[in-house]
Protein backbone atom coordinates (compact mmCIF):
# COMPACT_ATOMS: atom_id res chain seq x y z
CA MET A 1 0.22 -0.33 -0.11
CA GLU A 2 2.98 1.85 1.13
CA ALA A 3 4.78 1.39 -2.69
CA LYS A 4 0.95 2.13 -4.40
CA GLU A 5 1.26 5.28 -2.20
CA LYS A 6 4.18 6.50 -3.31
CA GLY A 7 3.91 6.03 -6.86
CA LEU A 8 0.77 7.78 -6.87
CA GLN A 9 1.74 10.61 -5.79
CA GLN A 10 5.48 10.48 -7.95
CA ASN A 11 2.72 10.39 -11.38
CA PHE A 12 0.82 13.93 -9.97
CA LEU A 13 4.89 15.74 -9.15
CA LYS A 14 4.58 14.66 -12.76
CA ILE A 15 1.62 16.20 -13.32
CA TYR A 16 2.00 19.60 -11.43
CA GLU A 17 5.23 20.33 -12.67
CA LYS A 18 4.32 19.28 -16.63
CA ALA A 19 1.06 22.06 -16.12
CA ILE A 20 3.20 24.64 -14.70
CA SER A 21 5.73 24.36 -16.95
CA LEU A 22 1.87 25.06 -19.36
CA GLY A 23 1.55 28.39 -17.78
CA ILE A 24 -1.15 27.01 -15.93
CA SER A 25 -1.13 28.53 -12.57
CA ALA A 26 -1.60 27.36 -8.97
CA GLU A 27 -4.61 29.07 -8.20
CA ASP A 28 -6.25 27.07 -11.84
CA LEU A 29 -5.13 23.69 -10.64
CA ALA A 30 -6.28 23.85 -6.94
CA ALA A 31 -9.96 24.95 -8.91
CA LEU A 32 -10.29 21.37 -10.46
CA ASP A 33 -12.33 18.80 -8.64
CA SER A 34 -9.99 15.89 -8.65
CA VAL A 35 -7.21 18.36 -7.43
CA LYS A 36 -9.59 19.00 -4.36
CA ARG A 37 -10.63 15.61 -3.90
CA LEU A 38 -7.00 15.02 -3.77
CA ARG A 39 -6.57 18.06 -1.13
CA ASN A 40 -9.87 16.69 0.61
CA ASP A 41 -8.32 13.01 1.15
CA CYS A 42 -5.05 14.58 2.23
CA LYS A 43 -6.50 15.57 5.36
CA THR A 44 -7.41 11.93 6.19
CA LYS A 45 -3.90 10.03 5.04
CA SER A 46 -0.46 11.25 4.98
CA CYS A 47 0.53 13.35 1.38
CA PHE A 48 2.86 14.99 -0.14
CA VAL A 49 2.60 18.13 -1.43
CA LEU A 50 6.43 20.44 -3.26
CA LYS A 51 5.26 23.75 -3.25
CA PRO A 52 6.35 25.85 -5.80
CA LYS A 53 8.21 28.98 -3.67
CA TYR A 54 10.11 25.56 -1.95
CA VAL A 55 10.77 24.35 -4.87
CA LEU A 56 12.77 27.78 -5.54
CA TYR A 57 14.26 27.91 -2.55
CA SER A 58 15.84 24.73 -2.58
CA ILE A 59 17.32 25.66 -5.61
CA LEU A 60 18.44 27.98 -4.11
CA VAL A 61 19.69 27.49 -1.25
CA ALA A 62 21.73 25.17 -3.25
CA PHE A 63 23.14 27.77 -5.89
CA LEU A 64 24.69 30.41 -3.19
CA ALA A 65 26.08 26.90 -1.14
CA ILE A 66 28.05 25.59 -4.17
CA ILE A 67 29.02 29.98 -4.98
CA ALA A 68 30.51 30.07 -1.45
CA GLY A 69 31.98 26.89 -2.61
CA VAL A 70 34.01 27.36 -5.60
CA VAL A 71 34.50 31.55 -4.01
CA HIS A 72 36.34 29.71 -0.72
CA LEU A 73 38.18 26.91 -3.03
CA GLU A 74 39.90 29.59 -5.37
CA LEU A 75 38.16 27.56 -8.04
CA TYR A 76 37.46 30.60 -10.20
CA SER A 77 42.05 31.09 -11.08
CA LYS A 78 43.66 28.82 -12.49
CA GLN A 79 46.16 28.78 -9.37
CA GLY A 80 43.39 27.21 -7.09
CA LEU A 81 41.63 24.26 -9.65
CA ALA A 82 45.19 23.24 -9.10
CA ARG A 83 45.06 22.97 -5.86
CA PHE A 84 41.94 21.26 -5.57
CA TRP A 85 42.49 19.42 -7.66
CA LEU A 86 46.44 18.22 -6.61
CA THR A 87 44.07 17.72 -3.01
CA ARG A 88 41.78 16.36 -3.67
CA TYR A 89 42.67 13.42 -6.34
CA TYR A 90 46.50 13.68 -5.31
CA ASN A 91 46.85 14.18 -1.68
CA LEU A 92 49.86 17.00 -2.62
CA SER A 93 50.18 20.30 -1.47
CA LEU A 94 51.18 23.19 -3.20
CA VAL A 95 52.67 24.79 -0.18
CA ARG A 96 55.03 22.18 0.99
CA GLU A 97 56.01 21.01 -2.80
CA LYS A 98 58.94 21.91 -3.77
CA CYS A 99 59.11 23.28 -8.01
CA ILE A 100 60.72 21.27 -10.22
CA PHE A 101 64.06 23.70 -10.96
CA VAL A 102 64.92 27.46 -9.22
CA MET A 103 63.92 29.59 -11.68
CA PRO A 104 67.01 32.41 -11.54
CA ASP A 105 66.89 35.38 -10.06
CA LYS A 106 67.54 37.70 -13.08
CA VAL A 107 64.52 35.88 -15.13
CA ILE A 108 62.52 36.58 -11.73
CA ASP A 109 63.61 40.39 -11.78
CA ALA A 110 62.76 40.58 -15.71
CA PHE A 111 58.88 39.28 -14.83
CA ARG A 112 57.91 41.25 -11.91
CA PRO A 113 55.10 43.43 -12.39
CA PRO A 114 55.94 46.87 -13.16
CA VAL A 115 56.17 48.81 -9.82
CA ASP A 116 54.52 52.49 -8.81
CA CYS A 117 57.84 54.53 -7.43
CA SER A 118 56.23 58.41 -8.06
CA MET A 119 56.30 58.75 -4.35
CA CYS A 120 59.76 59.68 -4.70
CA ARG A 121 59.26 61.12 -7.52
CA GLY A 122 61.14 65.12 -7.22
CA MET A 123 62.88 63.59 -3.79
CA LYS A 124 67.03 64.48 -3.63
CA LYS A 125 67.88 63.36 -0.13
CA VAL A 126 66.86 61.07 3.22
CA ASP A 127 65.83 62.66 5.33
CA ARG A 128 68.33 62.07 8.83
CA VAL A 129 66.99 62.36 12.13
CA LYS A 130 67.05 62.52 16.35
CA GLN A 131 64.74 61.96 18.52
CA LEU A 132 61.35 61.05 16.45
CA SER A 133 59.18 61.47 18.33
CA SER A 134 55.47 59.30 17.29
CA SER A 135 52.92 62.78 16.46
CA THR A 136 56.16 63.73 14.64
CA PHE A 137 56.65 60.03 12.39
CA GLU A 138 52.84 59.98 11.91
CA GLU A 139 52.27 63.57 10.97
CA LYS A 140 55.48 63.44 8.07
CA TYR A 141 56.76 59.80 7.51
CA ALA A 142 53.60 57.02 8.20
CA TYR A 143 51.83 57.34 5.56
CA SER A 144 53.02 59.61 2.72
CA GLY A 145 55.63 56.68 1.91
CA ARG A 146 58.68 58.95 2.68
CA PRO A 147 61.67 57.82 3.67
CA VAL A 148 63.27 58.63 6.61
CA VAL A 149 66.84 57.66 8.42
CA VAL A 150 66.15 57.43 12.08
CA GLU A 151 70.27 56.82 13.69
CA ASP A 152 68.67 56.79 17.11
CA GLY A 153 65.56 54.68 16.50
CA ALA A 154 67.41 51.40 18.29
CA GLN A 155 69.34 53.96 21.08
CA ASN A 156 66.97 52.34 23.92
CA TRP A 157 66.94 48.04 21.40
CA THR A 158 68.52 45.87 24.16
CA ALA A 159 68.78 43.58 21.01
CA MET A 160 71.73 45.92 20.34
CA GLY A 161 73.65 43.84 22.70
CA SER A 162 72.31 40.68 22.56
CA PHE A 163 72.86 40.32 19.10
CA SER A 164 75.55 39.33 17.36
CA PHE A 165 76.39 36.72 14.03
CA ASP A 166 78.00 34.65 17.10
CA PHE A 167 75.06 35.15 18.39
CA PHE A 168 72.92 33.25 15.90
CA LYS A 169 75.78 31.24 14.94
CA ASN A 170 75.04 29.46 18.62
CA VAL A 171 71.87 29.63 17.84
CA TYR A 172 71.73 27.31 15.26
CA ALA A 173 73.86 24.93 15.74
CA GLU A 174 76.35 22.86 12.85
CA ASP A 175 74.23 19.64 13.62
CA SER A 176 70.51 22.09 14.95
CA PRO A 177 67.47 20.42 12.91
CA VAL A 178 66.59 23.50 12.57
CA LEU A 179 68.98 24.44 10.93
CA GLU A 180 68.70 21.90 8.57
CA SER A 181 65.02 22.28 8.12
CA PHE A 182 65.75 25.50 7.12
CA GLU A 183 68.99 24.26 4.31
CA LYS A 184 65.36 22.34 3.27
CA ASN A 185 61.91 25.07 3.05
CA CYS A 186 63.37 28.38 4.54
CA GLN A 187 62.27 31.34 2.88
CA PHE A 188 66.33 32.49 2.53
CA PHE A 189 67.20 36.36 1.82
CA PRO A 190 70.86 35.89 -0.22
CA TYR A 191 71.01 39.38 -1.29
CA LYS A 192 73.63 39.52 -4.05
CA THR A 193 75.57 37.75 -2.14
CA GLU A 194 76.73 33.98 -2.74
CA PHE A 195 74.74 32.02 0.42
CA ARG A 196 73.02 29.19 -0.27
CA ASN A 197 71.87 28.87 3.27
CA LEU A 198 72.84 29.04 6.75
CA ARG A 199 75.33 26.91 6.57
CA GLU A 200 77.17 28.42 4.53
CA VAL A 201 76.77 31.72 6.32
CA PHE A 202 78.08 30.29 9.12
CA LYS A 203 80.67 28.74 7.26
CA MET A 204 82.53 32.01 6.66
CA SER A 205 85.29 33.72 8.61
CA ASP A 206 85.95 36.15 11.81
CA GLU A 207 87.02 38.93 9.19
CA ARG A 208 84.27 38.14 6.19
CA ALA A 209 81.71 38.79 9.43
CA GLN A 210 82.98 41.53 11.31
CA MET A 211 84.09 42.73 7.41
CA THR A 212 87.68 43.24 8.26
CA ASP A 213 89.53 41.98 5.28
CA GLY A 214 87.77 44.39 2.77
CA SER A 215 85.39 42.02 0.80
CA LYS A 216 82.00 43.79 0.66
CA PRO A 217 78.97 43.72 3.22
CA TRP A 218 76.67 41.30 2.73
CA TYR A 219 72.89 40.97 4.07
CA ILE A 220 70.90 37.66 4.24
CA GLY A 221 67.27 37.49 5.50
CA TRP A 222 65.62 34.34 6.93
């Protein structure tokens, strides 16, 4: 009996959807004697009636869910599609996976987007100041993009008496696992030096580190 009622419900839904597609309004359908009898039967037994507004609400919710998923996963971009595909089907991460080959710095610079240097147009020199108050800094430099050298900015910085080449060399000992992870996954910036990782940096001589041997100044970042 239950299967028969379910079949009748499905047939009625097909007829109802067909009528709506032909332009027959819900009011006209409700005026039919057969529909009235069916509604009277629904008062005594459970019936399934799918209203048009519920269909529209369901479609709208599904559409919004799809849009939210596309935006969250960035599927509108090639990188987002590649990340989703590799993560979903190959369990790979674009962040953790290494590149097949490393692009030379000159190639990267050649394809770097142009930088807007209009903020420096007409500038003849960089200001060098001392005892700069926070209000003056905010007024003249903070939001103007104008460069400034604060000569005594590190005067009360305790790191000036602690940080040194030997200090960091002792932190990252030769057998330190941190040094190994830096060598493999670190964002290491040699900045026009020959160093390829921190291990090579800490192997330099004291004369080179203190720049007392006549070598060029060196700078790294990580």
